[in-house]
């Protein structure tokens, strides 16, 4: 059995060469257009282009000139994308077990997040009131240190200092509760703790 690539020099029929010329002339602009329609899915865009060009090639009575051929191709490609979208909506979702696994891991993640938020809340309550106030204003309310200073009625430098030490104390409280692992040797922190 002899195989030949359509559009190659070995192809003996004019139809193969016609398809090759059609592809060379129209595939580039059509690809750009279809790629936008399918949301950047390159594989789907290539499938739509292939089907579009094959439909054009198989239409024996196609008597469109070059000026009207491209809009016709764009319309066919657009219709193919719409048909594919409708087909996916009409077809029930396939069940392969991966959804169940994702849902279970999502539930576990939600439970883990709730537990961590409870532990962080307890560690936050362990801070002194001035430290809690500064962290609340800067992190939870979202104010800048200058805005927090004005809201709390304390100097800007005090807010910065309290925020630094509050975060440091919060990290230690979280380490004690096992939420955050202890930092690997930090000479600056150990020397500051000894002072």
C-alpha atoms as a PDB file:
ATOM      1  CA  UNK A   1       0.000   0.000   0.000  1.00  0.00           C
ATOM      2  CA  UNK A   2       1.363   3.401  -1.011  1.00  0.00           C
ATOM      3  CA  UNK A   3       0.828   6.410   1.323  1.00  0.00           C
ATOM      4  CA  UNK A   4       1.164  10.010   0.271  1.00  0.00           C
ATOM      5  CA  UNK A   5       0.749  13.198   2.212  1.00  0.00           C
ATOM      6  CA  UNK A   6      -2.016  15.459   0.960  1.00  0.00           C
ATOM      7  CA  UNK A   7      -0.534  18.517  -0.645  1.00  0.00           C
ATOM      8  CA  UNK A   8       2.924  17.012  -0.977  1.00  0.00           C
ATOM      9  CA  UNK A   9       4.750  16.553  -4.232  1.00  0.00           C
ATOM     10  CA  UNK A  10       3.714  12.906  -4.189  1.00  0.00           C
ATOM     11  CA  UNK A  11       0.058  13.818  -4.120  1.00  0.00           C
ATOM     12  CA  UNK A  12      -1.376  13.123  -7.553  1.00  0.00           C
ATOM     13  CA  UNK A  13      -4.753  14.770  -7.249  1.00  0.00           C
ATOM     14  CA  UNK A  14      -5.422  18.472  -7.599  1.00  0.00           C
ATOM     15  CA  UNK A  15      -7.678  18.415  -4.525  1.00  0.00           C
ATOM     16  CA  UNK A  16      -4.754  17.763  -2.190  1.00  0.00           C
ATOM     17  CA  UNK A  17      -2.814  20.661  -3.640  1.00  0.00           C
ATOM     18  CA  UNK A  18      -5.913  22.865  -3.430  1.00  0.00           C
ATOM     19  CA  UNK A  19      -6.289  22.073   0.263  1.00  0.00           C
ATOM     20  CA  UNK A  20      -2.603  22.837   0.844  1.00  0.00           C
ATOM     21  CA  UNK A  21      -2.893  26.228  -0.883  1.00  0.00           C
ATOM     22  CA  UNK A  22      -6.112  26.972   1.006  1.00  0.00           C
ATOM     23  CA  UNK A  23      -4.359  26.180   4.285  1.00  0.00           C
ATOM     24  CA  UNK A  24      -1.314  28.314   3.494  1.00  0.00           C
ATOM     25  CA  UNK A  25      -3.441  31.322   2.545  1.00  0.00           C
ATOM     26  CA  UNK A  26      -6.169  31.231   5.190  1.00  0.00           C
ATOM     27  CA  UNK A  27      -4.934  29.339   8.267  1.00  0.00           C
ATOM     28  CA  UNK A  28      -2.987  32.192   9.881  1.00  0.00           C
ATOM     29  CA  UNK A  29      -5.754  34.798  10.105  1.00  0.00           C
ATOM     30  CA  UNK A  30      -8.319  32.101  10.857  1.00  0.00           C
ATOM     31  CA  UNK A  31      -6.188  30.742  13.717  1.00  0.00           C
ATOM     32  CA  UNK A  32      -5.945  34.177  15.347  1.00  0.00           C
ATOM     33  CA  UNK A  33      -9.704  34.650  15.111  1.00  0.00           C
ATOM     34  CA  UNK A  34     -10.641  31.183  16.378  1.00  0.00           C
ATOM     35  CA  UNK A  35      -8.099  31.310  19.205  1.00  0.00           C
ATOM     36  CA  UNK A  36      -9.936  34.313  20.646  1.00  0.00           C
ATOM     37  CA  UNK A  37     -13.285  32.536  20.284  1.00  0.00           C
ATOM     38  CA  UNK A  38     -12.149  29.453  22.200  1.00  0.00           C
ATOM     39  CA  UNK A  39     -10.502  31.397  24.997  1.00  0.00           C
ATOM     40  CA  UNK A  40      -6.890  30.628  24.088  1.00  0.00           C
ATOM     41  CA  UNK A  41      -7.277  26.831  23.819  1.00  0.00           C
ATOM     42  CA  UNK A  42      -4.775  26.155  21.027  1.00  0.00           C
ATOM     43  CA  UNK A  43      -5.723  22.523  20.488  1.00  0.00           C
ATOM     44  CA  UNK A  44      -9.390  23.305  20.129  1.00  0.00           C
ATOM     45  CA  UNK A  45      -8.581  26.196  17.787  1.00  0.00           C
ATOM     46  CA  UNK A  46      -6.509  23.888  15.574  1.00  0.00           C
ATOM     47  CA  UNK A  47      -9.361  21.361  15.446  1.00  0.00           C
ATOM     48  CA  UNK A  48     -11.851  24.066  14.446  1.00  0.00           C
ATOM     49  CA  UNK A  49      -9.516  25.380  11.728  1.00  0.00           C
ATOM     50  CA  UNK A  50      -8.969  21.904  10.346  1.00  0.00           C
ATOM     51  CA  UNK A  51     -12.703  21.222  10.223  1.00  0.00           C
ATOM     52  CA  UNK A  52     -13.371  24.636   8.657  1.00  0.00           C
ATOM     53  CA  UNK A  53     -10.809  24.151   5.896  1.00  0.00           C
ATOM     54  CA  UNK A  54     -11.998  20.604   5.218  1.00  0.00           C
ATOM     55  CA  UNK A  55     -15.567  21.819   4.856  1.00  0.00           C
ATOM     56  CA  UNK A  56     -14.404  24.493   2.437  1.00  0.00           C
ATOM     57  CA  UNK A  57     -12.353  21.989   0.442  1.00  0.00           C
ATOM     58  CA  UNK A  58     -15.135  19.389   0.318  1.00  0.00           C
ATOM     59  CA  UNK A  59     -17.654  21.923  -0.962  1.00  0.00           C
ATOM     60  CA  UNK A  60     -17.282  21.196  -4.658  1.00  0.00           C
ATOM     61  CA  UNK A  61     -19.471  24.031  -5.890  1.00  0.00           C
ATOM     62  CA  UNK A  62     -17.652  26.704  -3.880  1.00  0.00           C
ATOM     63  CA  UNK A  63     -17.462  29.590  -6.283  1.00  0.00           C
ATOM     64  CA  UNK A  64     -16.314  32.318  -3.921  1.00  0.00           C
ATOM     65  CA  UNK A  65     -13.502  34.626  -4.869  1.00  0.00           C
ATOM     66  CA  UNK A  66     -10.676  35.483  -2.471  1.00  0.00           C
ATOM     67  CA  UNK A  67     -12.464  38.583  -1.141  1.00  0.00           C
ATOM     68  CA  UNK A  68     -15.575  36.645  -0.064  1.00  0.00           C
ATOM     69  CA  UNK A  69     -13.843  33.384   0.902  1.00  0.00           C
ATOM     70  CA  UNK A  70     -12.287  34.637   4.147  1.00  0.00           C
ATOM     71  CA  UNK A  71     -15.541  36.012   5.654  1.00  0.00           C
ATOM     72  CA  UNK A  72     -17.245  32.747   4.712  1.00  0.00           C
ATOM     73  CA  UNK A  73     -14.476  30.771   6.461  1.00  0.00           C
ATOM     74  CA  UNK A  74     -14.757  32.980   9.552  1.00  0.00           C
ATOM     75  CA  UNK A  75     -18.515  32.397   9.668  1.00  0.00           C
ATOM     76  CA  UNK A  76     -18.086  28.616   9.344  1.00  0.00           C
ATOM     77  CA  UNK A  77     -15.428  28.619  12.092  1.00  0.00           C
ATOM     78  CA  UNK A  78     -17.641  30.710  14.361  1.00  0.00           C
ATOM     79  CA  UNK A  79     -20.557  28.336  13.816  1.00  0.00           C
ATOM     80  CA  UNK A  80     -18.330  25.345  14.615  1.00  0.00           C
ATOM     81  CA  UNK A  81     -17.231  26.969  17.884  1.00  0.00           C
ATOM     82  CA  UNK A  82     -20.849  27.718  18.823  1.00  0.00           C
ATOM     83  CA  UNK A  83     -21.937  24.158  17.943  1.00  0.00           C
ATOM     84  CA  UNK A  84     -19.132  22.716  20.040  1.00  0.00           C
ATOM     85  CA  UNK A  85     -20.083  24.899  22.980  1.00  0.00           C
ATOM     86  CA  UNK A  86     -23.740  23.868  22.716  1.00  0.00           C
ATOM     87  CA  UNK A  87     -22.750  20.202  22.437  1.00  0.00           C
ATOM     88  CA  UNK A  88     -20.717  20.425  25.661  1.00  0.00           C
ATOM     89  CA  UNK A  89     -23.626  22.106  27.474  1.00  0.00           C
ATOM     90  CA  UNK A  90     -26.141  19.491  26.318  1.00  0.00           C
ATOM     91  CA  UNK A  91     -23.957  16.543  27.240  1.00  0.00           C
ATOM     92  CA  UNK A  92     -23.964  15.377  30.864  1.00  0.00           C
ATOM     93  CA  UNK A  93     -20.727  15.675  32.800  1.00  0.00           C
ATOM     94  CA  UNK A  94     -18.545  12.619  32.686  1.00  0.00           C
ATOM     95  CA  UNK A  95     -17.747  11.111  36.046  1.00  0.00           C
ATOM     96  CA  UNK A  96     -14.257   9.786  36.482  1.00  0.00           C
ATOM     97  CA  UNK A  97     -13.725  10.109  40.225  1.00  0.00           C
ATOM     98  CA  UNK A  98     -11.480  13.159  40.063  1.00  0.00           C
ATOM     99  CA  UNK A  99     -14.344  15.471  41.089  1.00  0.00           C
ATOM    100  CA  UNK A 100     -14.890  13.446  44.243  1.00  0.00           C
ATOM    101  CA  UNK A 101     -11.212  13.680  45.090  1.00  0.00           C
ATOM    102  CA  UNK A 102     -11.174  17.456  44.525  1.00  0.00           C
ATOM    103  CA  UNK A 103     -14.294  17.916  46.665  1.00  0.00           C
ATOM    104  CA  UNK A 104     -12.816  15.852  49.482  1.00  0.00           C
ATOM    105  CA  UNK A 105      -9.549  17.773  49.407  1.00  0.00           C
ATOM    106  CA  UNK A 106     -11.474  21.067  49.290  1.00  0.00           C
ATOM    107  CA  UNK A 107     -13.445  20.031  52.380  1.00  0.00           C
ATOM    108  CA  UNK A 108     -10.213  19.086  54.141  1.00  0.00           C
ATOM    109  CA  UNK A 109      -8.690  22.427  53.172  1.00  0.00           C
ATOM    110  CA  UNK A 110     -11.716  24.304  54.505  1.00  0.00           C
ATOM    111  CA  UNK A 111     -11.559  22.421  57.786  1.00  0.00           C
ATOM    112  CA  UNK A 112      -7.826  23.101  58.027  1.00  0.00           C
ATOM    113  CA  UNK A 113      -8.419  26.804  57.325  1.00  0.00           C
ATOM    114  CA  UNK A 114     -11.085  27.013  60.036  1.00  0.00           C
ATOM    115  CA  UNK A 115      -8.846  25.277  62.564  1.00  0.00           C
ATOM    116  CA  UNK A 116      -5.921  27.530  61.715  1.00  0.00           C
ATOM    117  CA  UNK A 117      -8.084  30.645  62.013  1.00  0.00           C
ATOM    118  CA  UNK A 118      -9.200  29.523  65.483  1.00  0.00           C
ATOM    119  CA  UNK A 119      -5.593  28.982  66.556  1.00  0.00           C
ATOM    120  CA  UNK A 120      -4.516  32.336  65.058  1.00  0.00           C
ATOM    121  CA  UNK A 121      -7.426  34.009  66.870  1.00  0.00           C
ATOM    122  CA  UNK A 122      -6.273  32.499  70.178  1.00  0.00           C
ATOM    123  CA  UNK A 123      -2.701  33.608  69.521  1.00  0.00           C
ATOM    124  CA  UNK A 124      -3.977  37.098  68.657  1.00  0.00           C
ATOM    125  CA  UNK A 125      -5.846  37.262  71.992  1.00  0.00           C
ATOM    126  CA  UNK A 126      -2.601  36.377  73.787  1.00  0.00           C
ATOM    127  CA  UNK A 127      -1.051  39.694  72.667  1.00  0.00           C
ATOM    128  CA  UNK A 128      -1.185  42.803  74.797  1.00  0.00           C
ATOM    129  CA  UNK A 129      -4.003  45.258  74.089  1.00  0.00           C
ATOM    130  CA  UNK A 130      -1.733  47.919  72.488  1.00  0.00           C
ATOM    131  CA  UNK A 131      -0.231  45.295  70.157  1.00  0.00           C
ATOM    132  CA  UNK A 132      -3.673  43.982  69.227  1.00  0.00           C
ATOM    133  CA  UNK A 133      -4.910  47.508  68.501  1.00  0.00           C
ATOM    134  CA  UNK A 134      -2.003  48.245  66.166  1.00  0.00           C
ATOM    135  CA  UNK A 135      -2.323  44.930  64.304  1.00  0.00           C
ATOM    136  CA  UNK A 136      -6.062  45.373  64.019  1.00  0.00           C
ATOM    137  CA  UNK A 137      -5.758  48.860  62.552  1.00  0.00           C
ATOM    138  CA  UNK A 138      -2.924  48.045  60.135  1.00  0.00           C
ATOM    139  CA  UNK A 139      -3.753  44.513  58.978  1.00  0.00           C
ATOM    140  CA  UNK A 140      -7.465  43.973  59.472  1.00  0.00           C
ATOM    141  CA  UNK A 141      -8.743  47.480  58.763  1.00  0.00           C
ATOM    142  CA  UNK A 142      -6.015  48.054  56.165  1.00  0.00           C
ATOM    143  CA  UNK A 143      -4.804  51.429  57.305  1.00  0.00           C
ATOM    144  CA  UNK A 144      -1.303  52.730  56.753  1.00  0.00           C
ATOM    145  CA  UNK A 145       0.869  53.230  59.815  1.00  0.00           C
ATOM    146  CA  UNK A 146       0.251  56.990  59.597  1.00  0.00           C
ATOM    147  CA  UNK A 147      -3.535  56.494  59.448  1.00  0.00           C
ATOM    148  CA  UNK A 148      -3.381  53.985  62.330  1.00  0.00           C
ATOM    149  CA  UNK A 149      -1.386  56.492  64.396  1.00  0.00           C
ATOM    150  CA  UNK A 150      -4.068  59.116  63.844  1.00  0.00           C
ATOM    151  CA  UNK A 151      -6.878  56.656  64.645  1.00  0.00           C
ATOM    152  CA  UNK A 152      -5.180  55.414  67.822  1.00  0.00           C
ATOM    153  CA  UNK A 153      -3.916  58.845  68.879  1.00  0.00           C
ATOM    154  CA  UNK A 154      -0.287  57.753  69.235  1.00  0.00           C
ATOM    155  CA  UNK A 155       2.900  58.782  67.390  1.00  0.00           C
ATOM    156  CA  UNK A 156       3.682  57.268  63.996  1.00  0.00           C
ATOM    157  CA  UNK A 157       6.955  55.735  65.233  1.00  0.00           C
ATOM    158  CA  UNK A 158       5.142  54.036  68.104  1.00  0.00           C
ATOM    159  CA  UNK A 159       2.752  52.377  65.660  1.00  0.00           C
ATOM    160  CA  UNK A 160       5.662  51.079  63.598  1.00  0.00           C
ATOM    161  CA  UNK A 161       7.475  49.800  66.684  1.00  0.00           C
ATOM    162  CA  UNK A 162       4.360  48.144  68.144  1.00  0.00           C
ATOM    163  CA  UNK A 163       3.533  46.531  64.808  1.00  0.00           C
ATOM    164  CA  UNK A 164       7.021  45.059  64.577  1.00  0.00           C
ATOM    165  CA  UNK A 165       6.976  43.646  68.120  1.00  0.00           C
ATOM    166  CA  UNK A 166       3.356  42.533  67.836  1.00  0.00           C
ATOM    167  CA  UNK A 167       4.143  40.474  64.744  1.00  0.00           C
ATOM    168  CA  UNK A 168       7.171  39.033  66.470  1.00  0.00           C
ATOM    169  CA  UNK A 169       5.097  38.055  69.521  1.00  0.00           C
ATOM    170  CA  UNK A 170       2.355  36.666  67.314  1.00  0.00           C
ATOM    171  CA  UNK A 171       4.864  34.498  65.490  1.00  0.00           C
ATOM    172  CA  UNK A 172       6.168  33.155  68.817  1.00  0.00           C
ATOM    173  CA  UNK A 173       2.610  32.429  69.965  1.00  0.00           C
ATOM    174  CA  UNK A 174       1.918  30.579  66.712  1.00  0.00           C
ATOM    175  CA  UNK A 175       5.140  28.596  67.067  1.00  0.00           C
ATOM    176  CA  UNK A 176       4.053  27.544  70.568  1.00  0.00           C
ATOM    177  CA  UNK A 177       0.733  26.345  69.148  1.00  0.00           C
ATOM    178  CA  UNK A 178       2.442  24.431  66.305  1.00  0.00           C
ATOM    179  CA  UNK A 179       0.988  26.492  63.455  1.00  0.00           C
ATOM    180  CA  UNK A 180       4.321  27.945  62.330  1.00  0.00           C
ATOM    181  CA  UNK A 181       7.631  26.140  62.558  1.00  0.00           C
ATOM    182  CA  UNK A 182      10.396  27.763  64.545  1.00  0.00           C
ATOM    183  CA  UNK A 183      12.776  29.846  62.462  1.00  0.00           C
ATOM    184  CA  UNK A 184      16.208  28.422  61.795  1.00  0.00           C
ATOM    185  CA  UNK A 185      18.916  30.173  63.793  1.00  0.00           C
ATOM    186  CA  UNK A 186      18.479  33.906  63.574  1.00  0.00           C
ATOM    187  CA  UNK A 187      21.455  35.587  65.259  1.00  0.00           C
ATOM    188  CA  UNK A 188      19.868  39.049  65.251  1.00  0.00           C
ATOM    189  CA  UNK A 189      16.674  37.802  66.887  1.00  0.00           C
ATOM    190  CA  UNK A 190      18.520  35.768  69.527  1.00  0.00           C
ATOM    191  CA  UNK A 191      20.799  38.671  70.441  1.00  0.00           C
ATOM    192  CA  UNK A 192      17.830  41.042  70.641  1.00  0.00           C
ATOM    193  CA  UNK A 193      15.958  38.578  72.862  1.00  0.00           C
ATOM    194  CA  UNK A 194      18.900  38.414  75.263  1.00  0.00           C
ATOM    195  CA  UNK A 195      19.039  42.195  75.692  1.00  0.00           C
END
